[in-house]
């Protein structure tokens, strides 16, 4: 699996999960339970991973959703424009 997104923004993570689900792209959200260790203050980012075969399609989905403008502190693995 390849990392598609790494972010502390739970709204962004939720939105991307919904986009991937609607597009029938299999994904896994890693580090969702790390808040137990950090005391639920949101300092540890969550990661969305997709299968290697779906990575370019998932990147295209994020570009089409114009997510490149969001999250300067987030790591969004997008296709070059």
Protein backbone atom coordinates (compact mmCIF):
# COMPACT_ATOMS: atom_id res chain seq x y z
CA UNK A 1 0.00 0.00 0.00
CA UNK A 2 1.10 3.55 -0.74
CA UNK A 3 0.50 6.64 1.39
CA UNK A 4 -1.89 9.01 -0.34
CA UNK A 5 -2.50 11.56 2.43
CA UNK A 6 -1.02 12.38 5.81
CA UNK A 7 -2.89 15.00 7.82
CA UNK A 8 -4.04 16.13 11.26
CA UNK A 9 -7.18 17.64 9.71
CA UNK A 10 -9.96 15.19 10.58
CA UNK A 11 -12.43 16.93 8.26
CA UNK A 12 -10.03 16.57 5.33
CA UNK A 13 -9.40 12.91 6.19
CA UNK A 14 -13.16 12.27 6.39
CA UNK A 15 -13.78 14.00 3.07
CA UNK A 16 -11.06 12.02 1.30
CA UNK A 17 -12.36 8.77 2.80
CA UNK A 18 -15.82 9.59 1.42
CA UNK A 19 -14.39 10.40 -2.03
CA UNK A 20 -12.46 7.13 -2.14
CA UNK A 21 -15.43 5.11 -0.92
CA UNK A 22 -17.73 6.66 -3.54
CA UNK A 23 -15.15 5.89 -6.24
CA UNK A 24 -14.86 2.28 -5.02
CA UNK A 25 -11.15 2.68 -4.31
CA UNK A 26 -9.97 0.42 -1.50
CA UNK A 27 -8.13 2.31 1.24
CA UNK A 28 -6.94 1.98 4.81
CA UNK A 29 -6.77 4.83 7.32
CA UNK A 30 -3.75 4.27 9.53
CA UNK A 31 -3.03 5.78 12.94
CA UNK A 32 -6.70 6.41 13.79
CA UNK A 33 -6.26 5.17 17.35
CA UNK A 34 -3.06 7.05 18.09
CA UNK A 35 -5.10 9.73 19.87
CA UNK A 36 -5.15 7.41 22.89
CA UNK A 37 -1.39 7.85 23.17
CA UNK A 38 -1.39 11.58 22.57
CA UNK A 39 -4.30 12.41 24.86
CA UNK A 40 -6.71 13.28 22.00
CA UNK A 41 -5.07 16.62 21.21
CA UNK A 42 -4.62 15.90 17.50
CA UNK A 43 -0.85 16.20 17.12
CA UNK A 44 -0.29 12.84 15.46
CA UNK A 45 -1.41 12.80 11.82
CA UNK A 46 -3.55 10.10 10.26
CA UNK A 47 -2.54 8.47 6.98
CA UNK A 48 -4.71 7.22 4.15
CA UNK A 49 -3.14 4.33 2.26
CA UNK A 50 -4.30 2.94 -1.07
CA UNK A 51 -3.32 -0.14 -3.02
CA UNK A 52 -0.47 0.29 -5.49
CA UNK A 53 -2.75 -0.43 -8.45
CA UNK A 54 -5.22 2.29 -7.40
CA UNK A 55 -2.71 4.97 -6.44
CA UNK A 56 -2.77 7.02 -9.67
CA UNK A 57 -6.57 6.85 -9.83
CA UNK A 58 -6.79 8.04 -6.21
CA UNK A 59 -4.35 10.87 -6.93
CA UNK A 60 -6.46 11.94 -9.89
CA UNK A 61 -9.55 11.91 -7.67
CA UNK A 62 -7.87 14.32 -5.23
CA UNK A 63 -6.74 16.60 -8.05
CA UNK A 64 -10.24 16.61 -9.57
CA UNK A 65 -11.66 17.50 -6.13
CA UNK A 66 -9.24 20.47 -6.07
CA UNK A 67 -7.70 19.40 -2.78
CA UNK A 68 -4.27 20.75 -3.75
CA UNK A 69 -5.28 24.11 -2.25
CA UNK A 70 -5.94 22.60 1.18
CA UNK A 71 -3.62 21.90 4.07
CA UNK A 72 -0.23 23.54 3.68
CA UNK A 73 0.91 21.43 6.65
CA UNK A 74 -0.65 18.28 5.22
CA UNK A 75 1.06 15.86 2.90
CA UNK A 76 -1.12 15.21 -0.13
CA UNK A 77 0.54 13.07 -2.77
CA UNK A 78 -0.92 14.60 -5.91
CA UNK A 79 -0.13 14.28 -9.58
CA UNK A 80 1.83 17.16 -11.12
CA UNK A 81 -0.46 19.68 -12.76
